[in-house]
Every structure is written in C-alpha cells, then in structure tokens.
Amino acid sequence: MARISGVNLPNKPSGIALTYIHGIGRTTAVKICESLGVDVTVRMNELSDDEVGRIREMIDRDCRVEGELRREIAMNIKRLMDLGCYRGLRHRRGLPVRGQRTHTNARTRKGRARPITGRN
C-alpha cells in the first residue's frame, strides 16, 4: 500500500487513488500521472517504488494538500469571522454562506429540526 502525504492510498487505479488525498481531485490526479508518464489505469500496488517516489515528490513540490490545505482554509474562515463581514457572520451562526434559502432546507448546516413548544 502506497503512502503519500500521510494517506494510505487504496489499491485502485492511480488516477482514482490519488483523489484520496485531500486537495487532489480527478483532474489534478490525471495531470500528475500524465506529466510523470504514469498510466492512470495502472493500480497503485502495480506501480514501482520509483514511480511512487516521483509522484510523492511532485505532490510535495507542486500541490498544497492535507494539513497545510486544511489549515489555510480554516484560517480563511477565521479571518472572515474576525472581520465581521456577512460571510463571516453566516459561518459564525452555522448557516449557509452562499445565498441558499433557509426557510426550508439547509438542514445540513442548521442541524436537526427542533419543534417549537406550545405551537398549535
């Protein structure tokens, strides 16, 4: 099992397995494989140690992934909250940030519906 950026990659085609790393999607994974000359359909356990090493080096050099990316996103959200801008207030209250309706829906952000007591 290959380990890149602190993530154990599953035995799937390399183009798919790289997406298990936070910050790498399908497009980036395919670009990484193509630039290194690695076939995207070859499974991770079939890659040589040299190929895995080259993939690891390229990700470390060119991509912001895992802890560093999570930290940057958290800092951006914290900055918005400290500024007190509209988006920051929405983050602080746990409501949708990008203009979605909240009269109905938005249960993912608002949490489970609580009944109002004394209502007929």
PDB file of N, CA and C in Angstrom:
ATOM      1  N   MET A   1       0.840  -1.178   0.000  1.00  0.00           N
ATOM      2  CA  MET A   1       0.000   0.000   0.000  1.00  0.00           C
ATOM      3  C   MET A   1       0.889   1.246   0.000  1.00  0.00           C
ATOM      4  N   ALA A   2       0.669   2.106  -1.001  1.00  0.00           N
ATOM      5  CA  ALA A   2       1.471   3.322  -1.120  1.00  0.00           C
ATOM      6  C   ALA A   2       0.999   4.355  -0.106  1.00  0.00           C
ATOM      7  N   ARG A   3       1.947   5.118   0.428  1.00  0.00           N
ATOM      8  CA  ARG A   3       1.630   6.162   1.400  1.00  0.00           C
ATOM      9  C   ARG A   3       2.207   7.479   0.888  1.00  0.00           C
ATOM     10  N   ILE A   4       1.314   8.416   0.596  1.00  0.00           N
ATOM     11  CA  ILE A   4       1.725   9.717   0.086  1.00  0.00           C
ATOM     12  C   ILE A   4       1.038  10.795   0.921  1.00  0.00           C
ATOM     13  N   SER A   5       1.789  11.773   1.378  1.00  0.00           N
ATOM     14  CA  SER A   5       1.283  12.895   2.184  1.00  0.00           C
ATOM     15  C   SER A   5       0.524  12.417   3.418  1.00  0.00           C
ATOM     16  N   GLY A   6       0.966  11.321   3.989  1.00  0.00           N
ATOM     17  CA  GLY A   6       0.350  10.813   5.205  1.00  0.00           C
ATOM     18  C   GLY A   6      -0.944  10.062   4.983  1.00  0.00           C
ATOM     19  N   VAL A   7      -1.259   9.706   3.736  1.00  0.00           N
ATOM     20  CA  VAL A   7      -2.502   8.999   3.420  1.00  0.00           C
ATOM     21  C   VAL A   7      -2.152   7.655   2.796  1.00  0.00           C
ATOM     22  N   ASN A   8      -2.741   6.588   3.334  1.00  0.00           N
ATOM     23  CA  ASN A   8      -2.585   5.272   2.722  1.00  0.00           C
ATOM     24  C   ASN A   8      -3.512   5.201   1.519  1.00  0.00           C
ATOM     25  N   LEU A   9      -2.935   5.031   0.344  1.00  0.00           N
ATOM     26  CA  LEU A   9      -3.738   5.005  -0.874  1.00  0.00           C
ATOM     27  C   LEU A   9      -4.230   3.590  -1.143  1.00  0.00           C
ATOM     28  N   PRO A  10      -5.502   3.440  -1.535  1.00  0.00           N
ATOM     29  CA  PRO A  10      -6.062   2.109  -1.766  1.00  0.00           C
ATOM     30  C   PRO A  10      -5.552   1.505  -3.063  1.00  0.00           C
ATOM     31  N   ASN A  11      -5.795   0.219  -3.231  1.00  0.00           N
ATOM     32  CA  ASN A  11      -5.377  -0.492  -4.436  1.00  0.00           C
ATOM     33  C   ASN A  11      -6.415  -0.257  -5.526  1.00  0.00           C
ATOM     34  N   LYS A  12      -6.410   0.939  -6.066  1.00  0.00           N
ATOM     35  CA  LYS A  12      -7.304   1.327  -7.151  1.00  0.00           C
ATOM     36  C   LYS A  12      -6.442   1.914  -8.258  1.00  0.00           C
ATOM     37  N   PRO A  13      -7.021   2.156  -9.436  1.00  0.00           N
ATOM     38  CA  PRO A  13      -6.237   2.804 -10.493  1.00  0.00           C
ATOM     39  C   PRO A  13      -5.633   4.116  -9.980  1.00  0.00           C
ATOM     40  N   SER A  14      -4.427   4.414 -10.412  1.00  0.00           N
ATOM     41  CA  SER A  14      -3.686   5.539  -9.849  1.00  0.00           C
ATOM     42  C   SER A  14      -4.429   6.863  -9.999  1.00  0.00           C
ATOM     43  N   GLY A  15      -5.171   7.040 -11.093  1.00  0.00           N
ATOM     44  CA  GLY A  15      -5.934   8.265 -11.285  1.00  0.00           C
ATOM     45  C   GLY A  15      -7.038   8.439 -10.254  1.00  0.00           C
ATOM     46  N   ILE A  16      -7.552   7.342  -9.737  1.00  0.00           N
ATOM     47  CA  ILE A  16      -8.599   7.379  -8.713  1.00  0.00           C
ATOM     48  C   ILE A  16      -7.971   7.425  -7.328  1.00  0.00           C
ATOM     49  N   ALA A  17      -6.952   6.621  -7.098  1.00  0.00           N
ATOM     50  CA  ALA A  17      -6.355   6.500  -5.762  1.00  0.00           C
ATOM     51  C   ALA A  17      -5.778   7.819  -5.277  1.00  0.00           C
ATOM     52  N   LEU A  18      -5.228   8.621  -6.168  1.00  0.00           N
ATOM     53  CA  LEU A  18      -4.645   9.901  -5.749  1.00  0.00           C
ATOM     54  C   LEU A  18      -5.697  10.864  -5.225  1.00  0.00           C
ATOM     55  N   THR A  19      -6.965  10.662  -5.604  1.00  0.00           N
ATOM     56  CA  THR A  19      -8.023  11.557  -5.133  1.00  0.00           C
ATOM     57  C   THR A  19      -8.343  11.339  -3.655  1.00  0.00           C
ATOM     58  N   TYR A  20      -7.802  10.306  -3.043  1.00  0.00           N
ATOM     59  CA  TYR A  20      -7.995  10.085  -1.612  1.00  0.00           C
ATOM     60  C   TYR A  20      -7.190  11.085  -0.787  1.00  0.00           C
ATOM     61  N   ILE A  21      -6.285  11.797  -1.431  1.00  0.00           N
ATOM     62  CA  ILE A  21      -5.507  12.834  -0.756  1.00  0.00           C
ATOM     63  C   ILE A  21      -6.328  14.117  -0.794  1.00  0.00           C
ATOM     64  N   HIS A  22      -6.548  14.739   0.366  1.00  0.00           N
ATOM     65  CA  HIS A  22      -7.338  15.970   0.454  1.00  0.00           C
ATOM     66  C   HIS A  22      -6.630  17.068  -0.339  1.00  0.00           C
ATOM     67  N   GLY A  23      -7.324  17.631  -1.306  1.00  0.00           N
ATOM     68  CA  GLY A  23      -6.755  18.693  -2.124  1.00  0.00           C
ATOM     69  C   GLY A  23      -6.419  18.245  -3.539  1.00  0.00           C
ATOM     70  N   ILE A  24      -6.577  16.947  -3.828  1.00  0.00           N
ATOM     71  CA  ILE A  24      -6.321  16.444  -5.176  1.00  0.00           C
ATOM     72  C   ILE A  24      -7.609  15.819  -5.699  1.00  0.00           C
ATOM     73  N   GLY A  25      -8.113  16.376  -6.793  1.00  0.00           N
ATOM     74  CA  GLY A  25      -9.309  15.846  -7.435  1.00  0.00           C
ATOM     75  C   GLY A  25      -8.936  15.027  -8.657  1.00  0.00           C
ATOM     76  N   ARG A  26      -9.948  14.656  -9.420  1.00  0.00           N
ATOM     77  CA  ARG A  26      -9.712  13.807 -10.592  1.00  0.00           C
ATOM     78  C   ARG A  26      -8.811  14.492 -11.617  1.00  0.00           C
ATOM     79  N   THR A  27      -9.081  15.756 -11.915  1.00  0.00           N
ATOM     80  CA  THR A  27      -8.307  16.464 -12.937  1.00  0.00           C
ATOM     81  C   THR A  27      -6.846  16.571 -12.535  1.00  0.00           C
ATOM     82  N   THR A  28      -6.590  16.963 -11.291  1.00  0.00           N
ATOM     83  CA  THR A  28      -5.211  17.104 -10.822  1.00  0.00           C
ATOM     84  C   THR A  28      -4.506  15.760 -10.804  1.00  0.00           C
ATOM     85  N   ALA A  29      -5.213  14.708 -10.385  1.00  0.00           N
ATOM     86  CA  ALA A  29      -4.616  13.374 -10.337  1.00  0.00           C
ATOM     87  C   ALA A  29      -4.200  12.908 -11.726  1.00  0.00           C
ATOM     88  N   VAL A  30      -5.060  13.134 -12.703  1.00  0.00           N
ATOM     89  CA  VAL A  30      -4.734  12.734 -14.082  1.00  0.00           C
ATOM     90  C   VAL A  30      -3.561  13.550 -14.615  1.00  0.00           C
ATOM     91  N   LYS A  31      -3.525  14.852 -14.320  1.00  0.00           N
ATOM     92  CA  LYS A  31      -2.410  15.700 -14.782  1.00  0.00           C
ATOM     93  C   LYS A  31      -1.088  15.242 -14.172  1.00  0.00           C
ATOM     94  N   ILE A  32      -1.119  14.889 -12.887  1.00  0.00           N
ATOM     95  CA  ILE A  32       0.099  14.413 -12.224  1.00  0.00           C
ATOM     96  C   ILE A  32       0.599  13.144 -12.899  1.00  0.00           C
ATOM     97  N   CYS A  33      -0.309  12.200 -13.123  1.00  0.00           N
ATOM     98  CA  CYS A  33       0.087  10.932 -13.746  1.00  0.00           C
ATOM     99  C   CYS A  33       0.617  11.148 -15.159  1.00  0.00           C
ATOM    100  N   GLU A  34      -0.065  11.990 -15.939  1.00  0.00           N
ATOM    101  CA  GLU A  34       0.366  12.217 -17.321  1.00  0.00           C
ATOM    102  C   GLU A  34       1.719  12.920 -17.381  1.00  0.00           C
ATOM    103  N   SER A  35       1.951  13.886 -16.492  1.00  0.00           N
ATOM    104  CA  SER A  35       3.215  14.613 -16.544  1.00  0.00           C
ATOM    105  C   SER A  35       4.391  13.728 -16.151  1.00  0.00           C
ATOM    106  N   LEU A  36       4.145  12.699 -15.339  1.00  0.00           N
ATOM    107  CA  LEU A  36       5.212  11.784 -14.930  1.00  0.00           C
ATOM    108  C   LEU A  36       5.300  10.545 -15.815  1.00  0.00           C
ATOM    109  N   GLY A  37       4.384  10.424 -16.772  1.00  0.00           N
ATOM    110  CA  GLY A  37       4.397   9.272 -17.664  1.00  0.00           C
ATOM    111  C   GLY A  37       3.883   8.003 -17.013  1.00  0.00           C
ATOM    112  N   VAL A  38       3.011   8.159 -16.003  1.00  0.00           N
ATOM    113  CA  VAL A  38       2.415   7.001 -15.333  1.00  0.00           C
ATOM    114  C   VAL A  38       1.026   6.792 -15.911  1.00  0.00           C
ATOM    115  N   ASP A  39       0.700   5.551 -16.271  1.00  0.00           N
ATOM    116  CA  ASP A  39      -0.617   5.233 -16.820  1.00  0.00           C
ATOM    117  C   ASP A  39      -1.664   5.353 -15.716  1.00  0.00           C
ATOM    118  N   VAL A  40      -2.763   6.078 -15.986  1.00  0.00           N
ATOM    119  CA  VAL A  40      -3.784   6.302 -14.961  1.00  0.00           C
ATOM    120  C   VAL A  40      -4.587   5.046 -14.654  1.00  0.00           C
ATOM    121  N   THR A  41      -4.532   4.041 -15.536  1.00  0.00           N
ATOM    122  CA  THR A  41      -5.309   2.822 -15.314  1.00  0.00           C
ATOM    123  C   THR A  41      -4.544   1.773 -14.516  1.00  0.00           C
ATOM    124  N   VAL A  42      -3.240   1.972 -14.318  1.00  0.00           N
ATOM    125  CA  VAL A  42      -2.435   1.009 -13.563  1.00  0.00           C
ATOM    126  C   VAL A  42      -2.756   1.160 -12.080  1.00  0.00           C
ATOM    127  N   ARG A  43      -2.971   0.031 -11.407  1.00  0.00           N
ATOM    128  CA  ARG A  43      -3.312   0.071  -9.987  1.00  0.00           C
ATOM    129  C   ARG A  43      -2.100   0.469  -9.154  1.00  0.00           C
ATOM    130  N   MET A  44      -2.385   1.036  -7.982  1.00  0.00           N
ATOM    131  CA  MET A  44      -1.323   1.573  -7.133  1.00  0.00           C
ATOM    132  C   MET A  44      -0.311   0.507  -6.706  1.00  0.00           C
ATOM    133  N   ASN A  45      -0.777  -0.718  -6.429  1.00  0.00           N
ATOM    134  CA  ASN A  45       0.172  -1.742  -5.978  1.00  0.00           C
ATOM    135  C   ASN A  45       1.041  -2.255  -7.121  1.00  0.00           C
ATOM    136  N   GLU A  46       0.679  -1.949  -8.358  1.00  0.00           N
ATOM    137  CA  GLU A  46       1.474  -2.379  -9.506  1.00  0.00           C
ATOM    138  C   GLU A  46       2.535  -1.341  -9.892  1.00  0.00           C
ATOM    139  N   LEU A  47       2.477  -0.156  -9.299  1.00  0.00           N
ATOM    140  CA  LEU A  47       3.475   0.863  -9.598  1.00  0.00           C
ATOM    141  C   LEU A  47       4.786   0.516  -8.901  1.00  0.00           C
ATOM    142  N   SER A  48       5.893   0.848  -9.542  1.00  0.00           N
ATOM    143  CA  SER A  48       7.195   0.593  -8.930  1.00  0.00           C
ATOM    144  C   SER A  48       7.452   1.636  -7.834  1.00  0.00           C
ATOM    145  N   ASP A  49       8.407   1.329  -6.968  1.00  0.00           N
ATOM    146  CA  ASP A  49       8.759   2.267  -5.899  1.00  0.00           C
ATOM    147  C   ASP A  49       9.270   3.586  -6.466  1.00  0.00           C
ATOM    148  N   ASP A  50       9.945   3.507  -7.616  1.00  0.00           N
ATOM    149  CA  ASP A  50      10.457   4.713  -8.265  1.00  0.00           C
ATOM    150  C   ASP A  50       9.303   5.619  -8.709  1.00  0.00           C
ATOM    151  N   GLU A  51       8.269   5.016  -9.324  1.00  0.00           N
ATOM    152  CA  GLU A  51       7.127   5.803  -9.796  1.00  0.00           C
ATOM    153  C   GLU A  51       6.382   6.439  -8.613  1.00  0.00           C
ATOM    154  N   VAL A  52       6.180   5.666  -7.553  1.00  0.00           N
ATOM    155  CA  VAL A  52       5.503   6.208  -6.366  1.00  0.00           C
ATOM    156  C   VAL A  52       6.335   7.344  -5.772  1.00  0.00           C
ATOM    157  N   GLY A  53       7.639   7.186  -5.758  1.00  0.00           N
ATOM    158  CA  GLY A  53       8.522   8.236  -5.244  1.00  0.00           C
ATOM    159  C   GLY A  53       8.433   9.506  -6.061  1.00  0.00           C
ATOM    160  N   ARG A  54       8.373   9.365  -7.388  1.00  0.00           N
ATOM    161  CA  ARG A  54       8.249  10.544  -8.254  1.00  0.00           C
ATOM    162  C   ARG A  54       6.912  11.243  -8.037  1.00  0.00           C
ATOM    163  N   ILE A  55       5.830  10.454  -7.880  1.00  0.00           N
ATOM    164  CA  ILE A  55       4.513  11.039  -7.605  1.00  0.00           C
ATOM    165  C   ILE A  55       4.559  11.797  -6.279  1.00  0.00           C
ATOM    166  N   ARG A  56       5.164  11.174  -5.265  1.00  0.00           N
ATOM    167  CA  ARG A  56       5.264  11.806  -3.938  1.00  0.00           C
ATOM    168  C   ARG A  56       6.025  13.132  -4.022  1.00  0.00           C
ATOM    169  N   GLU A  57       7.155  13.122  -4.744  1.00  0.00           N
ATOM    170  CA  GLU A  57       7.956  14.337  -4.885  1.00  0.00           C
ATOM    171  C   GLU A  57       7.179  15.448  -5.581  1.00  0.00           C
ATOM    172  N   MET A  58       6.462  15.095  -6.652  1.00  0.00           N
ATOM    173  CA  MET A  58       5.723  16.106  -7.404  1.00  0.00           C
ATOM    174  C   MET A  58       4.603  16.704  -6.551  1.00  0.00           C
ATOM    175  N   ILE A  59       3.904  15.865  -5.792  1.00  0.00           N
ATOM    176  CA  ILE A  59       2.821  16.369  -4.941  1.00  0.00           C
ATOM    177  C   ILE A  59       3.401  17.272  -3.858  1.00  0.00           C
ATOM    178  N   ASP A  60       4.503  16.863  -3.244  1.00  0.00           N
ATOM    179  CA  ASP A  60       5.119  17.691  -2.203  1.00  0.00           C
ATOM    180  C   ASP A  60       5.596  19.033  -2.756  1.00  0.00           C
ATOM    181  N   ARG A  61       6.078  19.012  -3.986  1.00  0.00           N
ATOM    182  CA  ARG A  61       6.640  20.221  -4.588  1.00  0.00           C
ATOM    183  C   ARG A  61       5.566  21.173  -5.121  1.00  0.00           C
ATOM    184  N   ASP A  62       4.540  20.630  -5.799  1.00  0.00           N
ATOM    185  CA  ASP A  62       3.620  21.473  -6.563  1.00  0.00           C
ATOM    186  C   ASP A  62       2.234  21.662  -5.956  1.00  0.00           C
ATOM    187  N   CYS A  63       1.808  20.782  -5.079  1.00  0.00           N
ATOM    188  CA  CYS A  63       0.422  20.833  -4.596  1.00  0.00           C
ATOM    189  C   CYS A  63       0.366  21.166  -3.118  1.00  0.00           C
ATOM    190  N   ARG A  64      -0.665  21.913  -2.750  1.00  0.00           N
ATOM    191  CA  ARG A  64      -0.938  22.174  -1.344  1.00  0.00           C
ATOM    192  C   ARG A  64      -1.998  21.160  -0.931  1.00  0.00           C
ATOM    193  N   VAL A  65      -1.638  20.232  -0.058  1.00  0.00           N
ATOM    194  CA  VAL A  65      -2.547  19.133   0.280  1.00  0.00           C
ATOM    195  C   VAL A  65      -2.608  18.903   1.787  1.00  0.00           C
ATOM    196  N   GLU A  66      -3.596  18.110   2.185  1.00  0.00           N
ATOM    197  CA  GLU A  66      -3.800  17.637   3.553  1.00  0.00           C
ATOM    198  C   GLU A  66      -3.707  18.735   4.602  1.00  0.00           C
ATOM    199  N   GLY A  67      -2.842  18.610   5.584  1.00  0.00           N
ATOM    200  CA  GLY A  67      -2.807  19.505   6.743  1.00  0.00           C
ATOM    201  C   GLY A  67      -2.612  20.956   6.382  1.00  0.00           C
ATOM    202  N   GLU A  68      -1.702  21.216   5.471  1.00  0.00           N
ATOM    203  CA  GLU A  68      -1.430  22.603   5.066  1.00  0.00           C
ATOM    204  C   GLU A  68      -2.660  23.241   4.432  1.00  0.00           C
ATOM    205  N   LEU A  69      -3.359  22.486   3.569  1.00  0.00           N
ATOM    206  CA  LEU A  69      -4.561  22.999   2.911  1.00  0.00           C
ATOM    207  C   LEU A  69      -5.691  23.199   3.916  1.00  0.00           C
ATOM    208  N   ARG A  70      -5.904  22.226   4.808  1.00  0.00           N
ATOM    209  CA  ARG A  70      -6.950  22.359   5.832  1.00  0.00           C
ATOM    210  C   ARG A  70      -6.684  23.576   6.723  1.00  0.00           C
ATOM    211  N   ARG A  71      -5.425  23.778   7.091  1.00  0.00           N
ATOM    212  CA  ARG A  71      -5.050  24.914   7.937  1.00  0.00           C
ATOM    213  C   ARG A  71      -5.328  26.234   7.216  1.00  0.00           C
ATOM    214  N   GLU A  72      -5.002  26.300   5.932  1.00  0.00           N
ATOM    215  CA  GLU A  72      -5.229  27.524   5.162  1.00  0.00           C
ATOM    216  C   GLU A  72      -6.723  27.831   5.059  1.00  0.00           C
ATOM    217  N   ILE A  73      -7.540  26.810   4.811  1.00  0.00           N
ATOM    218  CA  ILE A  73      -8.991  27.015   4.711  1.00  0.00           C
ATOM    219  C   ILE A  73      -9.546  27.488   6.052  1.00  0.00           C
ATOM    220  N   ALA A  74      -9.100  26.859   7.140  1.00  0.00           N
ATOM    221  CA  ALA A  74      -9.563  27.266   8.473  1.00  0.00           C
ATOM    222  C   ALA A  74      -9.170  28.710   8.775  1.00  0.00           C
ATOM    223  N   MET A  75      -7.959  29.112   8.371  1.00  0.00           N
ATOM    224  CA  MET A  75      -7.509  30.486   8.601  1.00  0.00           C
ATOM    225  C   MET A  75      -8.337  31.484   7.778  1.00  0.00           C
ATOM    226  N   ASN A  76      -8.693  31.103   6.550  1.00  0.00           N
ATOM    227  CA  ASN A  76      -9.531  31.981   5.722  1.00  0.00           C
ATOM    228  C   ASN A  76     -10.901  32.189   6.363  1.00  0.00           C
ATOM    229  N   ILE A  77     -11.486  31.110   6.876  1.00  0.00           N
ATOM    230  CA  ILE A  77     -12.793  31.214   7.527  1.00  0.00           C
ATOM    231  C   ILE A  77     -12.679  32.047   8.796  1.00  0.00           C
ATOM    232  N   LYS A  78     -11.620  31.830   9.570  1.00  0.00           N
ATOM    233  CA  LYS A  78     -11.412  32.594  10.802  1.00  0.00           C
ATOM    234  C   LYS A  78     -11.246  34.083  10.490  1.00  0.00           C
ATOM    235  N   ARG A  79     -10.531  34.402   9.421  1.00  0.00           N
ATOM    236  CA  ARG A  79     -10.342  35.796   9.014  1.00  0.00           C
ATOM    237  C   ARG A  79     -11.686  36.444   8.694  1.00  0.00           C
ATOM    238  N   LEU A  80     -12.550  35.716   7.959  1.00  0.00           N
ATOM    239  CA  LEU A  80     -13.873  36.257   7.636  1.00  0.00           C
ATOM    240  C   LEU A  80     -14.691  36.506   8.904  1.00  0.00           C
ATOM    241  N   MET A  81     -14.592  35.577   9.861  1.00  0.00           N
ATOM    242  CA  MET A  81     -15.346  35.717  11.102  1.00  0.00           C
ATOM    243  C   MET A  81     -14.821  36.903  11.913  1.00  0.00           C
ATOM    244  N   ASP A  82     -13.508  37.088  11.958  1.00  0.00           N
ATOM    245  CA  ASP A  82     -12.920  38.199  12.710  1.00  0.00           C
ATOM    246  C   ASP A  82     -13.261  39.555  12.089  1.00  0.00           C
ATOM    247  N   LEU A  83     -13.344  39.598  10.770  1.00  0.00           N
ATOM    248  CA  LEU A  83     -13.700  40.841  10.088  1.00  0.00           C
ATOM    249  C   LEU A  83     -15.135  41.250  10.396  1.00  0.00           C
ATOM    250  N   GLY A  84     -15.979  40.258  10.624  1.00  0.00           N
ATOM    251  CA  GLY A  84     -17.384  40.551  10.858  1.00  0.00           C
ATOM    252  C   GLY A  84     -18.157  40.805   9.591  1.00  0.00           C
ATOM    253  N   CYS A  85     -17.638  40.364   8.468  1.00  0.00           N
ATOM    254  CA  CYS A  85     -18.357  40.534   7.210  1.00  0.00           C
ATOM    255  C   CYS A  85     -19.524  39.551   7.157  1.00  0.00           C
ATOM    256  N   TYR A  86     -20.375  39.707   6.168  1.00  0.00           N
ATOM    257  CA  TYR A  86     -21.591  38.896   6.076  1.00  0.00           C
ATOM    258  C   TYR A  86     -21.263  37.408   6.051  1.00  0.00           C
ATOM    259  N   ARG A  87     -20.308  37.027   5.218  1.00  0.00           N
ATOM    260  CA  ARG A  87     -19.940  35.616   5.136  1.00  0.00           C
ATOM    261  C   ARG A  87     -19.413  35.104   6.466  1.00  0.00           C
ATOM    262  N   GLY A  88     -18.647  35.937   7.164  1.00  0.00           N
ATOM    263  CA  GLY A  88     -18.134  35.552   8.466  1.00  0.00           C
ATOM    264  C   GLY A  88     -19.238  35.350   9.482  1.00  0.00           C
ATOM    265  N   LEU A  89     -20.257  36.221   9.449  1.00  0.00           N
ATOM    266  CA  LEU A  89     -21.395  36.077  10.362  1.00  0.00           C
ATOM    267  C   LEU A  89     -22.153  34.788  10.086  1.00  0.00           C
ATOM    268  N   ARG A  90     -22.313  34.458   8.818  1.00  0.00           N
ATOM    269  CA  ARG A  90     -23.015  33.219   8.460  1.00  0.00           C
ATOM    270  C   ARG A  90     -22.230  32.007   8.959  1.00  0.00           C
ATOM    271  N   HIS A  91     -20.895  32.030   8.819  1.00  0.00           N
ATOM    272  CA  HIS A  91     -20.075  30.939   9.358  1.00  0.00           C
ATOM    273  C   HIS A  91     -20.255  30.849  10.864  1.00  0.00           C
ATOM    274  N   ARG A  92     -20.214  31.979  11.542  1.00  0.00           N
ATOM    275  CA  ARG A  92     -20.303  32.022  12.998  1.00  0.00           C
ATOM    276  C   ARG A  92     -21.633  31.444  13.489  1.00  0.00           C
ATOM    277  N   ARG A  93     -22.717  31.732  12.771  1.00  0.00           N
ATOM    278  CA  ARG A  93     -24.042  31.248  13.172  1.00  0.00           C
ATOM    279  C   ARG A  93     -24.348  29.840  12.675  1.00  0.00           C
ATOM    280  N   GLY A  94     -23.479  29.301  11.834  1.00  0.00           N
ATOM    281  CA  GLY A  94     -23.701  27.947  11.322  1.00  0.00           C
ATOM    282  C   GLY A  94     -24.805  27.873  10.291  1.00  0.00           C
ATOM    283  N   LEU A  95     -24.943  28.925   9.506  1.00  0.00           N
ATOM    284  CA  LEU A  95     -25.957  28.986   8.457  1.00  0.00           C
ATOM    285  C   LEU A  95     -25.283  28.906   7.091  1.00  0.00           C
ATOM    286  N   PRO A  96     -26.063  28.638   6.022  1.00  0.00           N
ATOM    287  CA  PRO A  96     -25.453  28.591   4.690  1.00  0.00           C
ATOM    288  C   PRO A  96     -24.801  29.920   4.334  1.00  0.00           C
ATOM    289  N   VAL A  97     -23.653  29.849   3.683  1.00  0.00           N
ATOM    290  CA  VAL A  97     -22.844  31.032   3.438  1.00  0.00           C
ATOM    291  C   VAL A  97     -23.092  31.601   2.051  1.00  0.00           C
ATOM    292  N   ARG A  98     -23.504  30.782   1.107  1.00  0.00           N
ATOM    293  CA  ARG A  98     -23.513  31.213  -0.288  1.00  0.00           C
ATOM    294  C   ARG A  98     -24.905  31.507  -0.839  1.00  0.00           C
ATOM    295  N   GLY A  99     -25.777  32.075  -0.015  1.00  0.00           N
ATOM    296  CA  GLY A  99     -27.039  32.599  -0.526  1.00  0.00           C
ATOM    297  C   GLY A  99     -28.166  31.599  -0.653  1.00  0.00           C
ATOM    298  N   GLN A 100     -28.028  30.386  -0.105  1.00  0.00           N
ATOM    299  CA  GLN A 100     -29.108  29.418  -0.207  1.00  0.00           C
ATOM    300  C   GLN A 100     -30.261  29.810   0.705  1.00  0.00           C
ATOM    301  N   ARG A 101     -31.442  29.312   0.408  1.00  0.00           N
ATOM    302  CA  ARG A 101     -32.604  29.626   1.232  1.00  0.00           C
ATOM    303  C   ARG A 101     -32.539  28.864   2.543  1.00  0.00           C
ATOM    304  N   THR A 102     -33.111  29.424   3.590  1.00  0.00           N
ATOM    305  CA  THR A 102     -33.093  28.767   4.892  1.00  0.00           C
ATOM    306  C   THR A 102     -34.483  28.579   5.479  1.00  0.00           C
ATOM    307  N   HIS A 103     -35.522  29.120   4.835  1.00  0.00           N
ATOM    308  CA  HIS A 103     -36.879  28.935   5.360  1.00  0.00           C
ATOM    309  C   HIS A 103     -37.209  27.454   5.413  1.00  0.00           C
ATOM    310  N   THR A 104     -36.952  26.778   4.322  1.00  0.00           N
ATOM    311  CA  THR A 104     -36.989  25.315   4.314  1.00  0.00           C
ATOM    312  C   THR A 104     -35.593  24.887   3.870  1.00  0.00           C
ATOM    313  N   ASN A 105     -35.303  23.625   3.989  1.00  0.00           N
ATOM    314  CA  ASN A 105     -33.994  23.085   3.599  1.00  0.00           C
ATOM    315  C   ASN A 105     -32.889  23.595   4.535  1.00  0.00           C
ATOM    316  N   ALA A 106     -31.659  23.551   4.123  1.00  0.00           N
ATOM    317  CA  ALA A 106     -30.484  23.975   4.895  1.00  0.00           C
ATOM    318  C   ALA A 106     -30.298  23.146   6.160  1.00  0.00           C
ATOM    319  N   ARG A 107     -30.837  21.926   6.193  1.00  0.00           N
ATOM    320  CA  ARG A 107     -30.745  21.100   7.395  1.00  0.00           C
ATOM    321  C   ARG A 107     -29.319  20.633   7.673  1.00  0.00           C
ATOM    322  N   THR A 108     -28.502  20.529   6.642  1.00  0.00           N
ATOM    323  CA  THR A 108     -27.123  20.105   6.856  1.00  0.00           C
ATOM    324  C   THR A 108     -26.390  21.123   7.714  1.00  0.00           C
ATOM    325  N   ARG A 109     -26.577  22.400   7.439  1.00  0.00           N
ATOM    326  CA  ARG A 109     -25.900  23.443   8.205  1.00  0.00           C
ATOM    327  C   ARG A 109     -26.598  23.751   9.529  1.00  0.00           C
ATOM    328  N   LYS A 110     -27.938  23.747   9.530  1.00  0.00           N
ATOM    329  CA  LYS A 110     -28.678  24.162  10.721  1.00  0.00           C
ATOM    330  C   LYS A 110     -28.824  23.053  11.758  1.00  0.00           C
ATOM    331  N   GLY A 111     -28.661  21.822  11.351  1.00  0.00           N
ATOM    332  CA  GLY A 111     -28.833  20.717  12.286  1.00  0.00           C
ATOM    333  C   GLY A 111     -30.261  20.197  12.267  1.00  0.00           C
ATOM    334  N   ARG A 112     -30.550  19.264  13.147  1.00  0.00           N
ATOM    335  CA  ARG A 112     -31.856  18.626  13.186  1.00  0.00           C
ATOM    336  C   ARG A 112     -32.940  19.625  13.596  1.00  0.00           C
ATOM    337  N   ALA A 113     -34.114  19.509  12.976  1.00  0.00           N
ATOM    338  CA  ALA A 113     -35.215  20.426  13.268  1.00  0.00           C
ATOM    339  C   ALA A 113     -35.706  20.209  14.692  1.00  0.00           C
ATOM    340  N   ARG A 114     -35.862  21.308  15.437  1.00  0.00           N
ATOM    341  CA  ARG A 114     -36.370  21.237  16.809  1.00  0.00           C
ATOM    342  C   ARG A 114     -37.792  21.770  16.818  1.00  0.00           C
ATOM    343  N   PRO A 115     -38.745  21.011  17.370  1.00  0.00           N
ATOM    344  CA  PRO A 115     -40.133  21.508  17.398  1.00  0.00           C
ATOM    345  C   PRO A 115     -40.272  22.690  18.352  1.00  0.00           C
ATOM    346  N   ILE A 116     -41.161  23.583  18.029  1.00  0.00           N
ATOM    347  CA  ILE A 116     -41.425  24.751  18.859  1.00  0.00           C
ATOM    348  C   ILE A 116     -42.510  24.368  19.861  1.00  0.00           C
ATOM    349  N   THR A 117     -42.248  24.505  21.141  1.00  0.00           N
ATOM    350  CA  THR A 117     -43.218  24.094  22.156  1.00  0.00           C
ATOM    351  C   THR A 117     -44.359  25.103  22.247  1.00  0.00           C
ATOM    352  N   GLY A 118     -45.572  24.586  22.570  1.00  0.00           N
ATOM    353  CA  GLY A 118     -46.743  25.443  22.704  1.00  0.00           C
ATOM    354  C   GLY A 118     -47.344  25.862  21.392  1.00  0.00           C
ATOM    355  N   ARG A 119     -46.923  25.240  20.296  1.00  0.00           N
ATOM    356  CA  ARG A 119     -47.449  25.608  18.985  1.00  0.00           C
ATOM    357  C   ARG A 119     -48.647  24.730  18.657  1.00  0.00           C
ATOM    358  N   ASN A 120     -49.708  25.291  18.092  1.00  0.00           N
ATOM    359  CA  ASN A 120     -50.913  24.512  17.747  1.00  0.00           C
ATOM    360  C   ASN A 120     -50.868  23.990  16.357  1.00  0.00           C
TER     361      ASN A 120
END
